[in-house]
Amino acid sequence: MDDARALAEALRDSLRNVSAIDFGETTLSEEDRQFVRTRVWCDRRLPGGARCPLPTDHPGELCAASSGSP
């Protein structure tokens, strides 16, 4: 899963300017357990409509810090 996560991060970084792609919806699953999905990034919306760019398991108060809000 680490390699798949690294690939997802590389795609997000290289395609960040394509507004039609919402990387906040990115999930990963193991080949033999495709019904079990793991979200890669936090799903919280920030002011302006962007999503929090941090990993899913970060402490909640960091979303505000990543948006530049108090």
Foldseek 3Di string as FASTA:
>chain_A
DVVVLVVLVVCCVVCVVPVVDQLQADWDDDPVCVVDTHGFCDNDADPVGHGQRHGNPDPPVVSCVSNVHD
